[in-house]
Amino acid sequence: LPQRTLSHLPHLSPRNRQRILQHDFRRNLRQNDDSPMSKRRRHR
């Protein structure tokens, strides 16, 4: 996971921060993936 995101969330607890990082990470993966399955997932 990108370290730069951690510096944007100094006010959050480590657990919440990790959860948000994982969410961003999965969202970025989804945006970079143009397969039909990912598009279907994005619209849901």
C-alpha atoms as a PDB file:
ATOM      1  CA  LEU A   1       0.000   0.000   0.000  1.00  0.00           C
ATOM      2  CA  PRO A   2       1.223   3.514  -0.785  1.00  0.00           C
ATOM      3  CA  GLN A   3       2.853   5.194   2.191  1.00  0.00           C
ATOM      4  CA  ARG A   4       1.924   8.688   1.016  1.00  0.00           C
ATOM      5  CA  THR A   5      -1.719   8.081   1.902  1.00  0.00           C
ATOM      6  CA  LEU A   6      -0.809   7.576   5.563  1.00  0.00           C
ATOM      7  CA  SER A   7       0.373  11.156   5.870  1.00  0.00           C
ATOM      8  CA  HIS A   8      -3.007  12.399   4.664  1.00  0.00           C
ATOM      9  CA  LEU A   9      -4.809  10.662   7.525  1.00  0.00           C
ATOM     10  CA  PRO A  10      -2.888  11.575  10.703  1.00  0.00           C
ATOM     11  CA  HIS A  11      -6.077  12.096  12.697  1.00  0.00           C
ATOM     12  CA  LEU A  12      -7.307   8.540  12.244  1.00  0.00           C
ATOM     13  CA  SER A  13      -6.516   5.571  14.390  1.00  0.00           C
ATOM     14  CA  PRO A  14      -4.186   2.972  12.835  1.00  0.00           C
ATOM     15  CA  ARG A  15      -7.015   0.508  12.385  1.00  0.00           C
ATOM     16  CA  ASN A  16      -9.309   2.964  10.613  1.00  0.00           C
ATOM     17  CA  ARG A  17      -6.399   4.228   8.573  1.00  0.00           C
ATOM     18  CA  GLN A  18      -5.549   0.712   7.449  1.00  0.00           C
ATOM     19  CA  ARG A  19      -9.164   0.069   6.517  1.00  0.00           C
ATOM     20  CA  ILE A  20      -9.285   3.247   4.416  1.00  0.00           C
ATOM     21  CA  LEU A  21      -5.985   2.404   2.771  1.00  0.00           C
ATOM     22  CA  GLN A  22      -7.238  -1.024   1.822  1.00  0.00           C
ATOM     23  CA  HIS A  23     -10.429   0.503   0.475  1.00  0.00           C
ATOM     24  CA  ASP A  24      -8.468   2.996  -1.648  1.00  0.00           C
ATOM     25  CA  PHE A  25      -6.166   0.234  -2.798  1.00  0.00           C
ATOM     26  CA  ARG A  26      -9.034  -1.970  -3.950  1.00  0.00           C
ATOM     27  CA  ARG A  27     -10.761   0.983  -5.613  1.00  0.00           C
ATOM     28  CA  ASN A  28      -7.589   1.861  -7.510  1.00  0.00           C
ATOM     29  CA  LEU A  29      -7.188  -1.732  -8.609  1.00  0.00           C
ATOM     30  CA  ARG A  30     -10.766  -1.738  -9.826  1.00  0.00           C
ATOM     31  CA  GLN A  31     -10.290   1.504 -11.781  1.00  0.00           C
ATOM     32  CA  ASN A  32      -7.144   0.138 -13.409  1.00  0.00           C
ATOM     33  CA  ASP A  33      -8.919  -3.054 -14.389  1.00  0.00           C
ATOM     34  CA  ASP A  34     -11.129  -2.698 -17.467  1.00  0.00           C
ATOM     35  CA  SER A  35     -12.469  -6.233 -17.445  1.00  0.00           C
ATOM     36  CA  PRO A  36     -16.267  -6.672 -17.677  1.00  0.00           C
ATOM     37  CA  MET A  37     -16.405  -8.123 -14.176  1.00  0.00           C
ATOM     38  CA  SER A  38     -14.843  -5.039 -12.619  1.00  0.00           C
ATOM     39  CA  LYS A  39     -17.197  -2.740 -14.527  1.00  0.00           C
ATOM     40  CA  ARG A  40     -20.164  -4.715 -13.314  1.00  0.00           C
ATOM     41  CA  ARG A  41     -18.843  -4.450  -9.762  1.00  0.00           C
ATOM     42  CA  ARG A  42     -18.331  -0.696 -10.067  1.00  0.00           C
ATOM     43  CA  HIS A  43     -21.918  -0.033 -11.143  1.00  0.00           C
ATOM     44  CA  ARG A  44     -23.395  -2.033  -8.307  1.00  0.00           C
END
